[in-house]
Amino acid sequence: MPFATAWMGEHHFDKNTTITYGILLILVATGYTILSYQILNQEGKDSPYAKAIGSSYKEKASIILYILGIASSFYEPYIALFFYYVVAIIWIIPDRRLEKNINHKDL
């Protein structure tokens, strides 16, 4: 990520740098989603973790927005940056499902 971020900064959000940045973002998001599913499979569907996480709408929304960002990079890189920014905002907002279960002793 630091390489792609620096490259984008040096080339002032050029099309190729924005596409590369989006591809790296989607790879990270996919890795996180796979890890989350593996933890759910290991812990079980009735575990406190599964109850705390519930559905994975943030993960799915992130991947969709990254795909839209990569696609829009071919036309206007600043639109892609908007999609990447929206994903960051989604993840900054705390997940209420997790907050409700954070004090659970088994989590």
Protein backbone atom coordinates (compact mmCIF):
# COMPACT_ATOMS: atom_id res chain seq x y z
CA MET A 1 0.00 0.00 0.00
CA PRO A 2 2.75 2.54 0.75
CA PHE A 3 4.18 2.04 -2.74
CA ALA A 4 0.84 2.64 -4.45
CA THR A 5 0.05 5.61 -2.22
CA ALA A 6 3.42 7.24 -2.92
CA TRP A 7 3.09 6.51 -6.63
CA MET A 8 -0.34 8.15 -6.71
CA GLY A 9 1.04 11.19 -4.92
CA GLU A 10 3.98 11.52 -7.30
CA HIS A 11 1.85 11.19 -10.43
CA HIS A 12 -1.07 13.31 -9.23
CA PHE A 13 -3.78 10.65 -9.41
CA ASP A 14 -2.94 9.40 -12.88
CA LYS A 15 -5.23 6.73 -14.33
CA ASN A 16 -2.72 3.87 -13.96
CA THR A 17 -1.81 4.74 -10.40
CA THR A 18 -5.46 4.98 -9.36
CA ILE A 19 -6.20 1.60 -10.94
CA THR A 20 -3.22 0.02 -9.18
CA TYR A 21 -4.30 1.54 -5.88
CA GLY A 22 -7.83 0.19 -6.35
CA ILE A 23 -6.55 -3.29 -7.18
CA LEU A 24 -4.47 -3.32 -4.01
CA LEU A 25 -7.43 -2.10 -1.98
CA ILE A 26 -9.68 -4.84 -3.35
CA LEU A 27 -7.01 -7.47 -2.63
CA VAL A 28 -6.78 -6.32 0.99
CA ALA A 29 -10.58 -6.26 1.32
CA THR A 30 -10.85 -9.74 -0.17
CA GLY A 31 -8.21 -11.04 2.22
CA TYR A 32 -10.06 -9.55 5.18
CA THR A 33 -13.34 -11.08 4.00
CA ILE A 34 -11.76 -14.52 3.58
CA LEU A 35 -10.19 -14.27 7.04
CA SER A 36 -13.53 -13.29 8.56
CA TYR A 37 -15.30 -16.24 6.91
CA GLN A 38 -12.59 -18.62 8.10
CA ILE A 39 -12.94 -17.38 11.68
CA LEU A 40 -16.72 -17.80 11.46
CA ASN A 41 -16.28 -21.35 10.14
CA GLN A 42 -13.82 -22.19 12.91
CA GLU A 43 -15.88 -20.68 15.71
CA GLY A 44 -19.25 -21.88 14.46
CA LYS A 45 -22.43 -20.11 13.45
CA ASP A 46 -23.73 -19.93 17.03
CA SER A 47 -20.53 -18.50 18.52
CA PRO A 48 -20.37 -15.07 20.18
CA TYR A 49 -18.15 -13.94 17.31
CA ALA A 50 -20.80 -14.90 14.75
CA LYS A 51 -23.44 -13.06 16.75
CA ALA A 52 -21.22 -9.99 17.03
CA ILE A 53 -20.34 -9.87 13.36
CA GLY A 54 -23.61 -11.11 11.88
CA SER A 55 -23.92 -10.26 8.21
CA SER A 56 -20.98 -8.91 6.30
CA TYR A 57 -22.61 -5.96 4.58
CA LYS A 58 -19.59 -3.70 5.10
CA GLU A 59 -17.27 -6.21 3.47
CA LYS A 60 -19.58 -6.73 0.51
CA ALA A 61 -20.22 -3.00 0.09
CA SER A 62 -16.47 -2.32 0.21
CA ILE A 63 -15.69 -4.81 -2.54
CA ILE A 64 -18.51 -3.47 -4.73
CA LEU A 65 -17.35 0.12 -4.23
CA TYR A 66 -13.75 -0.86 -5.01
CA ILE A 67 -14.89 -2.53 -8.24
CA LEU A 68 -16.82 0.63 -9.16
CA GLY A 69 -13.74 2.68 -8.31
CA ILE A 70 -11.47 0.60 -10.50
CA ALA A 71 -13.95 0.76 -13.38
CA SER A 72 -14.34 4.53 -13.05
CA SER A 73 -10.55 4.97 -12.97
CA PHE A 74 -10.48 4.33 -16.70
CA TYR A 75 -12.61 7.44 -17.28
CA GLU A 76 -12.01 9.80 -14.37
CA PRO A 77 -9.60 8.92 -11.54
CA TYR A 78 -11.17 11.43 -9.17
CA ILE A 79 -14.46 9.52 -9.27
CA ALA A 80 -12.52 6.41 -8.25
CA LEU A 81 -11.02 8.31 -5.33
CA PHE A 82 -14.53 9.22 -4.26
CA PHE A 83 -15.49 5.52 -4.13
CA TYR A 84 -12.32 4.71 -2.16
CA TYR A 85 -13.13 7.57 0.22
CA VAL A 86 -16.67 6.26 0.78
CA VAL A 87 -15.25 2.88 1.80
CA ALA A 88 -12.96 4.58 4.31
CA ILE A 89 -15.93 6.45 5.78
CA ILE A 90 -17.94 3.22 6.02
CA TRP A 91 -15.18 1.62 8.09
CA ILE A 92 -14.57 4.68 10.31
CA ILE A 93 -18.16 4.53 11.54
CA PRO A 94 -18.23 1.95 14.37
CA ASP A 95 -20.23 -1.20 13.79
CA ARG A 96 -23.13 -1.23 16.25
CA ARG A 97 -23.44 -5.01 16.07
CA LEU A 98 -19.91 -5.38 17.35
CA GLU A 99 -20.35 -2.66 19.98
CA LYS A 100 -23.38 -4.45 21.44
CA ASN A 101 -21.41 -7.65 21.91
CA ILE A 102 -17.98 -6.23 22.76
CA ASN A 103 -18.49 -6.73 26.49
CA HIS A 104 -19.43 -10.38 26.04
CA LYS A 105 -16.95 -12.49 28.05
CA ASP A 106 -16.59 -15.22 25.42
CA LEU A 107 -15.77 -12.88 22.55
